[in-house]
Amino acid sequence: MAKAQTFGDKSKKVKDTTLNVKVIKGYRSEKGTIKFVTRFVRVNDVSQVDKIDISK
């Protein structure tokens, strides 16, 4: 007997309007070297990327 619903049908039900953005922030350590912090952040619009504030 065939399935009534395929995997493709299940994935179309959930629509998420947010975007996942990888934010990389560079900072100087106490020794003077440059270190980076990376985070994945969800935003509603691409214009909000400039307003993201991540701290170490």
Protein backbone atom coordinates (compact mmCIF):
# COMPACT_ATOMS: atom_id res chain seq x y z
CA MET A 1 0.00 0.00 0.00
CA ALA A 2 1.40 3.42 -0.93
CA LYS A 3 1.97 6.20 1.55
CA ALA A 4 -0.56 9.01 1.53
CA GLN A 5 2.05 11.67 2.31
CA THR A 6 5.66 11.96 1.14
CA PHE A 7 8.60 13.57 2.88
CA GLY A 8 8.44 16.51 0.47
CA ASP A 9 4.86 17.18 1.47
CA LYS A 10 5.78 17.24 5.14
CA SER A 11 8.62 19.73 4.66
CA LYS A 12 6.40 22.21 2.80
CA LYS A 13 4.03 22.59 5.74
CA VAL A 14 6.45 24.60 7.89
CA LYS A 15 7.28 28.02 6.47
CA ASP A 16 9.84 29.99 8.44
CA THR A 17 10.41 33.58 7.34
CA THR A 18 13.51 34.10 9.48
CA LEU A 19 17.04 33.88 8.07
CA ASN A 20 19.98 32.17 9.73
CA VAL A 21 23.06 34.39 9.53
CA LYS A 22 26.60 33.57 10.62
CA VAL A 23 28.11 36.57 12.43
CA ILE A 24 31.88 36.78 12.87
CA LYS A 25 33.28 39.38 15.26
CA GLY A 26 36.99 40.06 15.66
CA TYR A 27 38.57 41.48 18.81
CA ARG A 28 42.03 41.95 20.29
CA SER A 29 43.03 39.74 23.19
CA GLU A 30 45.08 40.89 26.17
CA LYS A 31 48.23 39.67 24.44
CA GLY A 32 47.48 41.77 21.36
CA THR A 33 46.49 38.94 19.04
CA ILE A 34 43.27 38.99 17.06
CA LYS A 35 40.62 36.43 18.02
CA PHE A 36 37.26 35.75 16.46
CA VAL A 37 33.84 34.89 17.87
CA THR A 38 31.34 33.21 15.54
CA ARG A 39 27.63 32.85 16.19
CA PHE A 40 24.62 31.80 14.17
CA VAL A 41 21.82 34.32 14.66
CA ARG A 42 18.26 34.35 13.36
CA VAL A 43 17.03 37.63 11.86
CA ASN A 44 13.73 38.55 10.28
CA ASP A 45 15.20 40.78 7.58
CA VAL A 46 18.62 41.21 5.96
CA SER A 47 18.67 44.89 6.97
CA GLN A 48 18.89 43.84 10.64
CA VAL A 49 22.34 42.29 10.15
CA ASP A 50 24.10 45.61 10.89
CA LYS A 51 22.25 45.91 14.21
CA ILE A 52 23.36 42.52 15.61
CA ASP A 53 25.52 42.77 18.70
CA ILE A 54 27.38 39.66 19.91
CA SER A 55 29.87 39.74 22.74
CA LYS A 56 32.64 37.37 23.65
